[in-house]
Amino acid sequence: MGSKSNGWHLRDEVRPCLLHLLRLPVPPLARAASRPYPSRMPRIYTKTGDDGTTGLLFGGRVSKGDLVPETCGTIDEAVAALGLARAHAGEQALQDDLLDLQRRLFVVGADIATNPDGRDRLEPEVSLVTAGMVERLEGRIDELVHAHPLPRTFVVPGANAVSACLDLARSLIRRAERQAVRLRDSGAPVGDEVLAFLNRLSDLLFVMARVAAGETEPPSRPDQPVRTNAP
C-alpha cells in the first residue's frame, strides 16, 4: 500500500505539469513540420540531391563530383567574394560595378550548367555569355589601367578589406577558368565566350584590386621598394 500510495502521489504532482504543457502553443518548427509549404513558397530542401547528383538547366542530372557543378560552385564562391567586397566598399559607384559583375557571373553559371540538349533555349546575356559581355570587360580594363598604371612587380594582397576581397574573387575566377578549360577538354560544350569572359574578368578584378588598394602596396620581395599606384 505504501508504494502504491507514493506512486499515486507522484502522478498527482506531475498531472498539473502535464496539463500545463498540453495548453502550451505548438512550437513553430513543429507546426511547420505538420503543414505543407505555401503553394508559392519554394522549399529550400528538395532531397533530390541526396543521391549525390544535381540538376542541370533544362533537365538532366549529373554527379555533384562532375566538372559542371565543380565549375559552377567556384563561380558561386566568386560571387560571394564579390559580395563581401561590395559590403566593404564605401563608394556607391564601386558597389554598383561589383553588383553588375555578380549578376554577369550568374549568366556564366547558367551557360555552364545547361543540359547540352537545351542550349538552343539559352538567351543572350541572360543565360548565354556573349562576345559583347567580353568586350565590355575589356573596355573597363582599358579605362582603369589608363587612369591607374599597373605595378611592374608582384604585390602582396591585403592592403585593405576591399582590395583583399577583390583579390580573393580574382583567384576564384582563375580557378573557375581552369575548371572550365578542363570541362571543355572533356567534350562538354563550353563556349569560347565563357573562357574569354572568365579570363578578362580575372584581369579586371586584378586591376580593381590595385585601384582599391590605394597609393601603396607591399611588394612580394622585402628588398624591393613599396610600389606606388600614382600615375
C-alpha atoms as a PDB file:
ATOM      1  CA  MET A   1       0.000   0.000   0.000  1.00  0.00           C
ATOM      2  CA  GLY A   2       2.764   2.425   0.856  1.00  0.00           C
ATOM      3  CA  SER A   3       4.474   2.093  -2.511  1.00  0.00           C
ATOM      4  CA  LYS A   4       1.167   2.413  -4.376  1.00  0.00           C
ATOM      5  CA  SER A   5       0.295   5.487  -2.405  1.00  0.00           C
ATOM      6  CA  ASN A   6       3.624   7.066  -3.177  1.00  0.00           C
ATOM      7  CA  GLY A   7       3.136   6.267  -6.841  1.00  0.00           C
ATOM      8  CA  TRP A   8      -0.262   7.928  -6.976  1.00  0.00           C
ATOM      9  CA  HIS A   9       1.026  10.942  -5.084  1.00  0.00           C
ATOM     10  CA  LEU A  10       3.799  11.244  -7.685  1.00  0.00           C
ATOM     11  CA  ARG A  11       1.308  11.153 -10.535  1.00  0.00           C
ATOM     12  CA  ASP A  12      -0.876  13.723  -8.793  1.00  0.00           C
ATOM     13  CA  GLU A  13       2.105  16.043  -8.632  1.00  0.00           C
ATOM     14  CA  VAL A  14       3.017  15.518 -12.295  1.00  0.00           C
ATOM     15  CA  ARG A  15      -0.552  15.853 -13.613  1.00  0.00           C
ATOM     16  CA  PRO A  16      -0.722  19.706 -13.314  1.00  0.00           C
ATOM     17  CA  CYS A  17       2.564  19.977 -15.213  1.00  0.00           C
ATOM     18  CA  LEU A  18       1.271  17.744 -17.992  1.00  0.00           C
ATOM     19  CA  LEU A  19      -1.945  19.728 -18.253  1.00  0.00           C
ATOM     20  CA  HIS A  20       0.080  22.931 -18.437  1.00  0.00           C
ATOM     21  CA  LEU A  21       2.213  21.534 -21.259  1.00  0.00           C
ATOM     22  CA  LEU A  22      -0.866  20.483 -23.199  1.00  0.00           C
ATOM     23  CA  ARG A  23      -2.119  24.051 -23.060  1.00  0.00           C
ATOM     24  CA  LEU A  24       1.156  25.493 -24.410  1.00  0.00           C
ATOM     25  CA  PRO A  25       1.240  26.661 -28.059  1.00  0.00           C
ATOM     26  CA  VAL A  26       2.841  24.292 -30.550  1.00  0.00           C
ATOM     27  CA  PRO A  27       6.467  25.341 -31.278  1.00  0.00           C
ATOM     28  CA  PRO A  28       6.976  26.917 -34.735  1.00  0.00           C
ATOM     29  CA  LEU A  29       9.183  24.089 -36.033  1.00  0.00           C
ATOM     30  CA  ALA A  30       6.615  21.502 -35.009  1.00  0.00           C
ATOM     31  CA  ARG A  31       3.852  23.461 -36.720  1.00  0.00           C
ATOM     32  CA  ALA A  32       5.968  23.813 -39.871  1.00  0.00           C
ATOM     33  CA  ALA A  33       6.570  20.079 -39.984  1.00  0.00           C
ATOM     34  CA  SER A  34       2.856  19.330 -39.721  1.00  0.00           C
ATOM     35  CA  ARG A  35       1.697  21.542 -42.574  1.00  0.00           C
ATOM     36  CA  PRO A  36       2.708  21.802 -46.244  1.00  0.00           C
ATOM     37  CA  TYR A  37       4.655  24.725 -47.687  1.00  0.00           C
ATOM     38  CA  PRO A  38       2.543  27.597 -49.049  1.00  0.00           C
ATOM     39  CA  SER A  39       1.932  26.993 -52.729  1.00  0.00           C
ATOM     40  CA  ARG A  40       4.020  29.995 -53.837  1.00  0.00           C
ATOM     41  CA  MET A  41       6.956  29.476 -51.465  1.00  0.00           C
ATOM     42  CA  PRO A  42       9.843  27.359 -52.807  1.00  0.00           C
ATOM     43  CA  ARG A  43      11.105  24.667 -50.493  1.00  0.00           C
ATOM     44  CA  ILE A  44      14.784  25.193 -49.661  1.00  0.00           C
ATOM     45  CA  TYR A  45      15.411  21.461 -49.446  1.00  0.00           C
ATOM     46  CA  THR A  46      14.223  19.046 -52.123  1.00  0.00           C
ATOM     47  CA  LYS A  47      16.024  15.814 -51.153  1.00  0.00           C
ATOM     48  CA  THR A  48      16.621  15.145 -54.851  1.00  0.00           C
ATOM     49  CA  GLY A  49      20.347  15.600 -54.331  1.00  0.00           C
ATOM     50  CA  ASP A  50      20.600  13.067 -51.529  1.00  0.00           C
ATOM     51  CA  ASP A  51      21.844  10.536 -54.064  1.00  0.00           C
ATOM     52  CA  GLY A  52      24.867  12.696 -54.857  1.00  0.00           C
ATOM     53  CA  THR A  53      23.505  14.223 -58.066  1.00  0.00           C
ATOM     54  CA  THR A  54      22.443  17.741 -59.031  1.00  0.00           C
ATOM     55  CA  GLY A  55      20.130  19.080 -61.717  1.00  0.00           C
ATOM     56  CA  LEU A  56      21.087  20.823 -64.948  1.00  0.00           C
ATOM     57  CA  LEU A  57      19.302  23.740 -66.550  1.00  0.00           C
ATOM     58  CA  PHE A  58      16.550  22.404 -68.861  1.00  0.00           C
ATOM     59  CA  GLY A  59      16.659  18.912 -67.383  1.00  0.00           C
ATOM     60  CA  GLY A  60      19.029  16.081 -66.671  1.00  0.00           C
ATOM     61  CA  ARG A  61      21.222  15.305 -63.680  1.00  0.00           C
ATOM     62  CA  VAL A  62      24.943  14.800 -63.122  1.00  0.00           C
ATOM     63  CA  SER A  63      27.112  13.751 -60.207  1.00  0.00           C
ATOM     64  CA  LYS A  64      27.979  16.525 -57.787  1.00  0.00           C
ATOM     65  CA  GLY A  65      31.570  15.476 -58.359  1.00  0.00           C
ATOM     66  CA  ASP A  66      31.281  16.263 -62.075  1.00  0.00           C
ATOM     67  CA  LEU A  67      33.213  19.215 -63.501  1.00  0.00           C
ATOM     68  CA  VAL A  68      29.978  21.074 -64.250  1.00  0.00           C
ATOM     69  CA  PRO A  69      28.933  21.567 -60.598  1.00  0.00           C
ATOM     70  CA  GLU A  70      32.605  21.959 -59.649  1.00  0.00           C
ATOM     71  CA  THR A  71      32.959  24.904 -62.033  1.00  0.00           C
ATOM     72  CA  CYS A  72      29.607  26.404 -61.094  1.00  0.00           C
ATOM     73  CA  GLY A  73      30.490  26.029 -57.420  1.00  0.00           C
ATOM     74  CA  THR A  74      33.682  28.001 -57.909  1.00  0.00           C
ATOM     75  CA  ILE A  75      31.750  30.704 -59.724  1.00  0.00           C
ATOM     76  CA  ASP A  76      29.336  30.784 -56.792  1.00  0.00           C
ATOM     77  CA  GLU A  77      32.292  31.282 -54.430  1.00  0.00           C
ATOM     78  CA  ALA A  78      33.481  34.177 -56.584  1.00  0.00           C
ATOM     79  CA  VAL A  79      30.022  35.759 -56.469  1.00  0.00           C
ATOM     80  CA  ALA A  80      30.130  35.543 -52.672  1.00  0.00           C
ATOM     81  CA  ALA A  81      33.625  37.071 -52.548  1.00  0.00           C
ATOM     82  CA  LEU A  82      32.449  39.946 -54.726  1.00  0.00           C
ATOM     83  CA  GLY A  83      29.516  40.375 -52.369  1.00  0.00           C
ATOM     84  CA  LEU A  84      31.948  40.670 -49.477  1.00  0.00           C
ATOM     85  CA  ALA A  85      33.906  43.293 -51.406  1.00  0.00           C
ATOM     86  CA  ARG A  86      30.678  45.159 -52.132  1.00  0.00           C
ATOM     87  CA  ALA A  87      29.720  45.077 -48.453  1.00  0.00           C
ATOM     88  CA  HIS A  88      33.036  46.736 -47.574  1.00  0.00           C
ATOM     89  CA  ALA A  89      33.003  49.219 -50.453  1.00  0.00           C
ATOM     90  CA  GLY A  90      32.205  52.744 -49.413  1.00  0.00           C
ATOM     91  CA  GLU A  91      31.676  54.292 -52.840  1.00  0.00           C
ATOM     92  CA  GLN A  92      28.307  53.779 -54.491  1.00  0.00           C
ATOM     93  CA  ALA A  93      29.905  53.593 -57.948  1.00  0.00           C
ATOM     94  CA  LEU A  94      32.119  50.694 -56.858  1.00  0.00           C
ATOM     95  CA  GLN A  95      29.173  48.955 -55.231  1.00  0.00           C
ATOM     96  CA  ASP A  96      27.222  49.245 -58.476  1.00  0.00           C
ATOM     97  CA  ASP A  97      30.138  47.888 -60.523  1.00  0.00           C
ATOM     98  CA  LEU A  98      30.530  44.894 -58.236  1.00  0.00           C
ATOM     99  CA  LEU A  99      26.813  44.139 -58.259  1.00  0.00           C
ATOM    100  CA  ASP A 100      26.884  44.204 -62.062  1.00  0.00           C
ATOM    101  CA  LEU A 101      29.782  41.735 -62.116  1.00  0.00           C
ATOM    102  CA  GLN A 102      27.958  39.450 -59.692  1.00  0.00           C
ATOM    103  CA  ARG A 103      24.942  39.414 -61.980  1.00  0.00           C
ATOM    104  CA  ARG A 104      27.082  38.666 -65.037  1.00  0.00           C
ATOM    105  CA  LEU A 105      28.529  35.661 -63.245  1.00  0.00           C
ATOM    106  CA  PHE A 106      25.017  34.263 -62.908  1.00  0.00           C
ATOM    107  CA  VAL A 107      24.893  34.291 -66.717  1.00  0.00           C
ATOM    108  CA  VAL A 108      28.170  32.369 -66.832  1.00  0.00           C
ATOM    109  CA  GLY A 109      26.873  29.839 -64.324  1.00  0.00           C
ATOM    110  CA  ALA A 110      23.692  29.283 -66.314  1.00  0.00           C
ATOM    111  CA  ASP A 111      25.667  28.853 -69.539  1.00  0.00           C
ATOM    112  CA  ILE A 112      27.892  26.182 -67.982  1.00  0.00           C
ATOM    113  CA  ALA A 113      25.101  24.397 -66.093  1.00  0.00           C
ATOM    114  CA  THR A 114      22.857  23.914 -69.131  1.00  0.00           C
ATOM    115  CA  ASN A 115      21.900  20.496 -70.414  1.00  0.00           C
ATOM    116  CA  PRO A 116      23.700  20.204 -73.789  1.00  0.00           C
ATOM    117  CA  ASP A 117      20.396  19.267 -75.449  1.00  0.00           C
ATOM    118  CA  GLY A 118      18.828  22.536 -74.281  1.00  0.00           C
ATOM    119  CA  ARG A 119      21.438  25.062 -75.367  1.00  0.00           C
ATOM    120  CA  ASP A 120      19.208  26.336 -78.166  1.00  0.00           C
ATOM    121  CA  ARG A 121      16.908  27.684 -75.454  1.00  0.00           C
ATOM    122  CA  LEU A 122      19.536  29.960 -73.904  1.00  0.00           C
ATOM    123  CA  GLU A 123      19.013  33.721 -74.055  1.00  0.00           C
ATOM    124  CA  PRO A 124      21.955  36.031 -74.842  1.00  0.00           C
ATOM    125  CA  GLU A 125      23.244  37.830 -71.729  1.00  0.00           C
ATOM    126  CA  VAL A 126      20.560  36.162 -69.625  1.00  0.00           C
ATOM    127  CA  SER A 127      21.745  32.568 -69.702  1.00  0.00           C
ATOM    128  CA  LEU A 128      24.263  32.707 -72.575  1.00  0.00           C
ATOM    129  CA  VAL A 129      27.615  34.517 -72.444  1.00  0.00           C
ATOM    130  CA  THR A 130      28.177  36.759 -75.476  1.00  0.00           C
ATOM    131  CA  ALA A 131      31.135  38.444 -77.154  1.00  0.00           C
ATOM    132  CA  GLY A 132      29.618  41.780 -76.122  1.00  0.00           C
ATOM    133  CA  MET A 133      29.984  40.837 -72.455  1.00  0.00           C
ATOM    134  CA  VAL A 134      33.685  40.167 -73.029  1.00  0.00           C
ATOM    135  CA  GLU A 135      34.169  43.424 -74.911  1.00  0.00           C
ATOM    136  CA  ARG A 136      32.632  45.454 -72.091  1.00  0.00           C
ATOM    137  CA  LEU A 137      35.092  43.913 -69.639  1.00  0.00           C
ATOM    138  CA  GLU A 138      37.973  44.787 -71.933  1.00  0.00           C
ATOM    139  CA  GLY A 139      36.743  48.372 -72.227  1.00  0.00           C
ATOM    140  CA  ARG A 140      36.544  48.711 -68.451  1.00  0.00           C
ATOM    141  CA  ILE A 141      40.062  47.275 -68.037  1.00  0.00           C
ATOM    142  CA  ASP A 142      41.462  49.790 -70.527  1.00  0.00           C
ATOM    143  CA  GLU A 143      39.760  52.688 -68.719  1.00  0.00           C
ATOM    144  CA  LEU A 144      41.115  51.714 -65.309  1.00  0.00           C
ATOM    145  CA  VAL A 145      44.635  50.939 -66.482  1.00  0.00           C
ATOM    146  CA  HIS A 146      44.821  54.298 -68.258  1.00  0.00           C
ATOM    147  CA  ALA A 147      43.891  56.073 -65.040  1.00  0.00           C
ATOM    148  CA  HIS A 148      45.853  53.770 -62.697  1.00  0.00           C
ATOM    149  CA  PRO A 149      49.080  52.311 -64.177  1.00  0.00           C
ATOM    150  CA  LEU A 150      49.757  48.745 -63.067  1.00  0.00           C
ATOM    151  CA  PRO A 151      52.709  47.708 -60.892  1.00  0.00           C
ATOM    152  CA  ARG A 152      55.778  46.251 -62.552  1.00  0.00           C
ATOM    153  CA  THR A 153      56.447  43.863 -59.685  1.00  0.00           C
ATOM    154  CA  PHE A 154      54.371  41.306 -57.819  1.00  0.00           C
ATOM    155  CA  VAL A 155      52.478  42.771 -54.872  1.00  0.00           C
ATOM    156  CA  VAL A 156      51.134  41.145 -51.725  1.00  0.00           C
ATOM    157  CA  PRO A 157      47.310  41.336 -51.445  1.00  0.00           C
ATOM    158  CA  GLY A 158      45.709  42.728 -48.316  1.00  0.00           C
ATOM    159  CA  ALA A 159      46.201  46.486 -48.330  1.00  0.00           C
ATOM    160  CA  ASN A 160      42.600  46.879 -47.174  1.00  0.00           C
ATOM    161  CA  ALA A 161      39.406  44.840 -46.944  1.00  0.00           C
ATOM    162  CA  VAL A 162      38.045  45.768 -50.385  1.00  0.00           C
ATOM    163  CA  SER A 163      41.256  45.043 -52.282  1.00  0.00           C
ATOM    164  CA  ALA A 164      41.736  41.769 -50.383  1.00  0.00           C
ATOM    165  CA  CYS A 165      38.215  40.620 -51.271  1.00  0.00           C
ATOM    166  CA  LEU A 166      38.763  41.538 -54.910  1.00  0.00           C
ATOM    167  CA  ASP A 167      41.993  39.529 -54.992  1.00  0.00           C
ATOM    168  CA  LEU A 168      40.154  36.597 -53.432  1.00  0.00           C
ATOM    169  CA  ALA A 169      37.471  36.825 -56.110  1.00  0.00           C
ATOM    170  CA  ARG A 170      40.181  37.088 -58.780  1.00  0.00           C
ATOM    171  CA  SER A 171      41.849  33.875 -57.603  1.00  0.00           C
ATOM    172  CA  LEU A 172      38.498  32.077 -57.589  1.00  0.00           C
ATOM    173  CA  ILE A 173      37.749  33.202 -61.131  1.00  0.00           C
ATOM    174  CA  ARG A 174      41.178  31.928 -62.194  1.00  0.00           C
ATOM    175  CA  ARG A 175      40.271  28.546 -60.754  1.00  0.00           C
ATOM    176  CA  ALA A 176      36.883  28.620 -62.486  1.00  0.00           C
ATOM    177  CA  GLU A 177      38.650  29.328 -65.772  1.00  0.00           C
ATOM    178  CA  ARG A 178      40.941  26.313 -65.320  1.00  0.00           C
ATOM    179  CA  GLN A 179      37.971  24.114 -64.469  1.00  0.00           C
ATOM    180  CA  ALA A 180      36.050  25.391 -67.498  1.00  0.00           C
ATOM    181  CA  VAL A 181      39.009  24.545 -69.744  1.00  0.00           C
ATOM    182  CA  ARG A 182      39.111  21.001 -68.349  1.00  0.00           C
ATOM    183  CA  LEU A 183      35.363  20.790 -68.855  1.00  0.00           C
ATOM    184  CA  ARG A 184      35.717  21.794 -72.493  1.00  0.00           C
ATOM    185  CA  ASP A 185      38.621  19.381 -72.968  1.00  0.00           C
ATOM    186  CA  SER A 186      36.383  16.584 -71.689  1.00  0.00           C
ATOM    187  CA  GLY A 187      33.976  17.211 -74.577  1.00  0.00           C
ATOM    188  CA  ALA A 188      31.432  19.491 -72.881  1.00  0.00           C
ATOM    189  CA  PRO A 189      30.017  22.386 -74.953  1.00  0.00           C
ATOM    190  CA  VAL A 190      31.833  25.252 -73.224  1.00  0.00           C
ATOM    191  CA  GLY A 191      31.763  28.305 -75.492  1.00  0.00           C
ATOM    192  CA  ASP A 192      34.813  30.378 -76.326  1.00  0.00           C
ATOM    193  CA  GLU A 193      32.994  33.379 -74.897  1.00  0.00           C
ATOM    194  CA  VAL A 194      32.767  31.712 -71.479  1.00  0.00           C
ATOM    195  CA  LEU A 195      36.509  31.115 -71.336  1.00  0.00           C
ATOM    196  CA  ALA A 196      37.276  34.621 -72.608  1.00  0.00           C
ATOM    197  CA  PHE A 197      34.881  36.185 -70.104  1.00  0.00           C
ATOM    198  CA  LEU A 198      36.430  34.389 -67.140  1.00  0.00           C
ATOM    199  CA  ASN A 199      39.912  35.333 -68.315  1.00  0.00           C
ATOM    200  CA  ARG A 200      39.078  39.022 -68.747  1.00  0.00           C
ATOM    201  CA  LEU A 201      37.148  39.141 -65.505  1.00  0.00           C
ATOM    202  CA  SER A 202      40.145  37.921 -63.535  1.00  0.00           C
ATOM    203  CA  ASP A 203      42.209  40.638 -65.237  1.00  0.00           C
ATOM    204  CA  LEU A 204      39.616  43.259 -64.373  1.00  0.00           C
ATOM    205  CA  LEU A 205      39.487  42.167 -60.749  1.00  0.00           C
ATOM    206  CA  PHE A 206      43.267  42.402 -60.528  1.00  0.00           C
ATOM    207  CA  VAL A 207      43.129  45.976 -61.772  1.00  0.00           C
ATOM    208  CA  MET A 208      40.213  46.853 -59.484  1.00  0.00           C
ATOM    209  CA  ALA A 209      42.078  45.411 -56.501  1.00  0.00           C
ATOM    210  CA  ARG A 210      45.101  47.583 -57.250  1.00  0.00           C
ATOM    211  CA  VAL A 211      42.903  50.657 -57.521  1.00  0.00           C
ATOM    212  CA  ALA A 212      41.119  49.817 -54.265  1.00  0.00           C
ATOM    213  CA  ALA A 213      44.457  49.244 -52.505  1.00  0.00           C
ATOM    214  CA  GLY A 214      45.292  52.915 -52.749  1.00  0.00           C
ATOM    215  CA  GLU A 215      48.631  54.533 -53.372  1.00  0.00           C
ATOM    216  CA  THR A 216      50.940  51.899 -51.897  1.00  0.00           C
ATOM    217  CA  GLU A 217      51.107  48.122 -51.671  1.00  0.00           C
ATOM    218  CA  PRO A 218      53.897  45.955 -50.276  1.00  0.00           C
ATOM    219  CA  PRO A 219      55.992  44.128 -52.904  1.00  0.00           C
ATOM    220  CA  SER A 220      56.381  40.361 -52.876  1.00  0.00           C
ATOM    221  CA  ARG A 221      60.094  40.729 -52.034  1.00  0.00           C
ATOM    222  CA  PRO A 222      61.184  42.670 -48.963  1.00  0.00           C
ATOM    223  CA  ASP A 223      64.230  44.105 -50.754  1.00  0.00           C
ATOM    224  CA  GLN A 224      62.048  45.886 -53.304  1.00  0.00           C
ATOM    225  CA  PRO A 225      60.666  49.400 -52.740  1.00  0.00           C
ATOM    226  CA  VAL A 226      56.994  49.776 -51.928  1.00  0.00           C
ATOM    227  CA  ARG A 227      55.270  50.308 -55.232  1.00  0.00           C
ATOM    228  CA  THR A 228      53.134  53.378 -55.869  1.00  0.00           C
ATOM    229  CA  ASN A 229      49.813  53.425 -57.736  1.00  0.00           C
ATOM    230  CA  ALA A 230      50.128  57.061 -58.615  1.00  0.00           C
ATOM    231  CA  PRO A 231      50.437  57.780 -62.391  1.00  0.00           C
END
